[in-house]
């Protein structure tokens, strides 16, 4: 598909930062329906993306965020990404929580 513009990614992140969307995403693996909602909301911003594109972008952003985050935690500052702060606001809290949960198991 065509490349996501900065505005499109911002809009996606804004929707993703919605608490109810986050809870749904955290609670499920089969998330087609959630991304259909996300795509519908993007449509309201005049952004035409289908749910598959939204899910792929979401996965890529999440993956990129995690690799930058772990690089930072190991003391490397060479890795960075455009939307790190926005994603850190969404993902920063839950990744730490999940990490500590798995330690206690």
C-alpha atoms as a PDB file:
ATOM      1  CA  UNK A   1       0.000   0.000   0.000  1.00  0.00           C
ATOM      2  CA  UNK A   2       1.000   3.645  -0.158  1.00  0.00           C
ATOM      3  CA  UNK A   3       3.183   5.113   2.558  1.00  0.00           C
ATOM      4  CA  UNK A   4       1.575   6.534   5.668  1.00  0.00           C
ATOM      5  CA  UNK A   5       1.998  10.288   6.003  1.00  0.00           C
ATOM      6  CA  UNK A   6       2.938  11.905   9.301  1.00  0.00           C
ATOM      7  CA  UNK A   7      -0.644  13.136   9.692  1.00  0.00           C
ATOM      8  CA  UNK A   8      -2.029   9.664   9.085  1.00  0.00           C
ATOM      9  CA  UNK A   9       0.262   8.112  11.667  1.00  0.00           C
ATOM     10  CA  UNK A  10      -0.604  10.878  14.156  1.00  0.00           C
ATOM     11  CA  UNK A  11      -4.300  10.185  13.640  1.00  0.00           C
ATOM     12  CA  UNK A  12      -3.733   6.443  14.077  1.00  0.00           C
ATOM     13  CA  UNK A  13      -1.814   7.043  17.310  1.00  0.00           C
ATOM     14  CA  UNK A  14      -4.506   9.405  18.570  1.00  0.00           C
ATOM     15  CA  UNK A  15      -7.146   6.723  18.062  1.00  0.00           C
ATOM     16  CA  UNK A  16      -4.869   4.068  19.525  1.00  0.00           C
ATOM     17  CA  UNK A  17      -4.324   6.216  22.635  1.00  0.00           C
ATOM     18  CA  UNK A  18      -8.060   5.958  23.368  1.00  0.00           C
ATOM     19  CA  UNK A  19      -8.372   3.918  26.562  1.00  0.00           C
ATOM     20  CA  UNK A  20     -11.181   1.716  25.255  1.00  0.00           C
ATOM     21  CA  UNK A  21      -9.205   0.849  22.111  1.00  0.00           C
ATOM     22  CA  UNK A  22      -6.143   0.044  24.223  1.00  0.00           C
ATOM     23  CA  UNK A  23      -8.126  -2.244  26.499  1.00  0.00           C
ATOM     24  CA  UNK A  24      -9.591  -4.073  23.529  1.00  0.00           C
ATOM     25  CA  UNK A  25      -6.173  -4.469  21.926  1.00  0.00           C
ATOM     26  CA  UNK A  26      -4.613  -5.728  25.149  1.00  0.00           C
ATOM     27  CA  UNK A  27      -7.373  -8.248  25.657  1.00  0.00           C
ATOM     28  CA  UNK A  28      -7.419  -9.952  22.277  1.00  0.00           C
ATOM     29  CA  UNK A  29      -5.387 -11.564  19.534  1.00  0.00           C
ATOM     30  CA  UNK A  30      -8.115 -11.737  16.914  1.00  0.00           C
ATOM     31  CA  UNK A  31      -8.449  -8.015  16.544  1.00  0.00           C
ATOM     32  CA  UNK A  32      -9.891  -7.531  13.086  1.00  0.00           C
ATOM     33  CA  UNK A  33     -13.047  -5.954  14.522  1.00  0.00           C
ATOM     34  CA  UNK A  34     -11.055  -3.447  16.561  1.00  0.00           C
ATOM     35  CA  UNK A  35      -9.050  -2.375  13.532  1.00  0.00           C
ATOM     36  CA  UNK A  36     -12.265  -2.028  11.551  1.00  0.00           C
ATOM     37  CA  UNK A  37     -13.304   0.501  14.223  1.00  0.00           C
ATOM     38  CA  UNK A  38      -9.932   2.211  13.934  1.00  0.00           C
ATOM     39  CA  UNK A  39     -10.246   2.389  10.147  1.00  0.00           C
ATOM     40  CA  UNK A  40     -13.755   3.822  10.489  1.00  0.00           C
ATOM     41  CA  UNK A  41     -12.462   6.531  12.822  1.00  0.00           C
ATOM     42  CA  UNK A  42      -9.622   7.357  10.440  1.00  0.00           C
ATOM     43  CA  UNK A  43     -12.251   7.773   7.737  1.00  0.00           C
ATOM     44  CA  UNK A  44     -13.734  10.591   9.816  1.00  0.00           C
ATOM     45  CA  UNK A  45     -10.366  12.367   9.603  1.00  0.00           C
ATOM     46  CA  UNK A  46     -10.553  11.892   5.840  1.00  0.00           C
ATOM     47  CA  UNK A  47      -7.960   9.103   5.914  1.00  0.00           C
ATOM     48  CA  UNK A  48      -8.738   6.138   3.736  1.00  0.00           C
ATOM     49  CA  UNK A  49      -7.127   3.003   5.180  1.00  0.00           C
ATOM     50  CA  UNK A  50      -8.567  -0.467   5.539  1.00  0.00           C
ATOM     51  CA  UNK A  51      -8.326  -2.499   8.736  1.00  0.00           C
ATOM     52  CA  UNK A  52      -5.415  -4.563   7.417  1.00  0.00           C
ATOM     53  CA  UNK A  53      -3.335  -1.468   6.741  1.00  0.00           C
ATOM     54  CA  UNK A  54      -4.168  -0.168  10.219  1.00  0.00           C
ATOM     55  CA  UNK A  55      -3.192  -3.435  11.860  1.00  0.00           C
ATOM     56  CA  UNK A  56       0.052  -3.677   9.918  1.00  0.00           C
ATOM     57  CA  UNK A  57       0.980  -0.109  10.785  1.00  0.00           C
ATOM     58  CA  UNK A  58       0.083  -0.700  14.423  1.00  0.00           C
ATOM     59  CA  UNK A  59       2.263  -3.816  14.552  1.00  0.00           C
ATOM     60  CA  UNK A  60       5.167  -2.059  12.849  1.00  0.00           C
ATOM     61  CA  UNK A  61       4.998   0.951  15.171  1.00  0.00           C
ATOM     62  CA  UNK A  62       4.787  -1.302  18.205  1.00  0.00           C
ATOM     63  CA  UNK A  63       7.746  -3.357  17.027  1.00  0.00           C
ATOM     64  CA  UNK A  64       9.824  -0.276  16.245  1.00  0.00           C
ATOM     65  CA  UNK A  65       8.937   1.259  19.615  1.00  0.00           C
ATOM     66  CA  UNK A  66       9.974  -1.883  21.475  1.00  0.00           C
ATOM     67  CA  UNK A  67      13.339  -2.090  19.733  1.00  0.00           C
ATOM     68  CA  UNK A  68      14.073   1.605  20.410  1.00  0.00           C
ATOM     69  CA  UNK A  69      12.935   1.193  24.027  1.00  0.00           C
ATOM     70  CA  UNK A  70      15.148  -1.819  24.685  1.00  0.00           C
ATOM     71  CA  UNK A  71      18.082  -0.097  22.978  1.00  0.00           C
ATOM     72  CA  UNK A  72      17.607   2.876  25.306  1.00  0.00           C
ATOM     73  CA  UNK A  73      17.368   0.630  28.350  1.00  0.00           C
ATOM     74  CA  UNK A  74      20.664  -0.983  27.409  1.00  0.00           C
ATOM     75  CA  UNK A  75      22.240   2.484  27.262  1.00  0.00           C
ATOM     76  CA  UNK A  76      22.247   3.031  23.518  1.00  0.00           C
ATOM     77  CA  UNK A  77      20.929   6.381  22.340  1.00  0.00           C
ATOM     78  CA  UNK A  78      21.647   5.850  18.653  1.00  0.00           C
ATOM     79  CA  UNK A  79      18.225   4.342  17.976  1.00  0.00           C
ATOM     80  CA  UNK A  80      15.266   6.667  17.801  1.00  0.00           C
ATOM     81  CA  UNK A  81      11.959   6.982  16.026  1.00  0.00           C
ATOM     82  CA  UNK A  82       9.614   9.753  15.037  1.00  0.00           C
ATOM     83  CA  UNK A  83       6.653   8.980  17.296  1.00  0.00           C
ATOM     84  CA  UNK A  84       8.517   7.532  20.264  1.00  0.00           C
ATOM     85  CA  UNK A  85       7.118   9.922  22.877  1.00  0.00           C
ATOM     86  CA  UNK A  86       3.533   9.455  21.724  1.00  0.00           C
ATOM     87  CA  UNK A  87       3.940   5.678  21.763  1.00  0.00           C
ATOM     88  CA  UNK A  88       5.757   5.745  25.074  1.00  0.00           C
ATOM     89  CA  UNK A  89       2.731   7.468  26.570  1.00  0.00           C
ATOM     90  CA  UNK A  90       0.575   4.573  25.378  1.00  0.00           C
ATOM     91  CA  UNK A  91       2.923   1.607  25.687  1.00  0.00           C
ATOM     92  CA  UNK A  92       5.367   2.700  28.359  1.00  0.00           C
ATOM     93  CA  UNK A  93       3.127   1.785  31.272  1.00  0.00           C
ATOM     94  CA  UNK A  94       1.792  -1.536  30.055  1.00  0.00           C
ATOM     95  CA  UNK A  95       5.086  -3.029  28.891  1.00  0.00           C
ATOM     96  CA  UNK A  96       6.637  -2.549  32.330  1.00  0.00           C
ATOM     97  CA  UNK A  97       3.589  -4.106  33.992  1.00  0.00           C
ATOM     98  CA  UNK A  98       3.662  -7.138  31.734  1.00  0.00           C
ATOM     99  CA  UNK A  99       7.396  -7.543  32.252  1.00  0.00           C
ATOM    100  CA  UNK A 100       7.042  -7.648  36.031  1.00  0.00           C
ATOM    101  CA  UNK A 101       4.124 -10.066  35.804  1.00  0.00           C
ATOM    102  CA  UNK A 102       6.186 -12.572  33.854  1.00  0.00           C
ATOM    103  CA  UNK A 103       9.071 -12.280  36.346  1.00  0.00           C
ATOM    104  CA  UNK A 104       6.839 -13.293  39.220  1.00  0.00           C
ATOM    105  CA  UNK A 105       5.571 -16.371  37.420  1.00  0.00           C
END
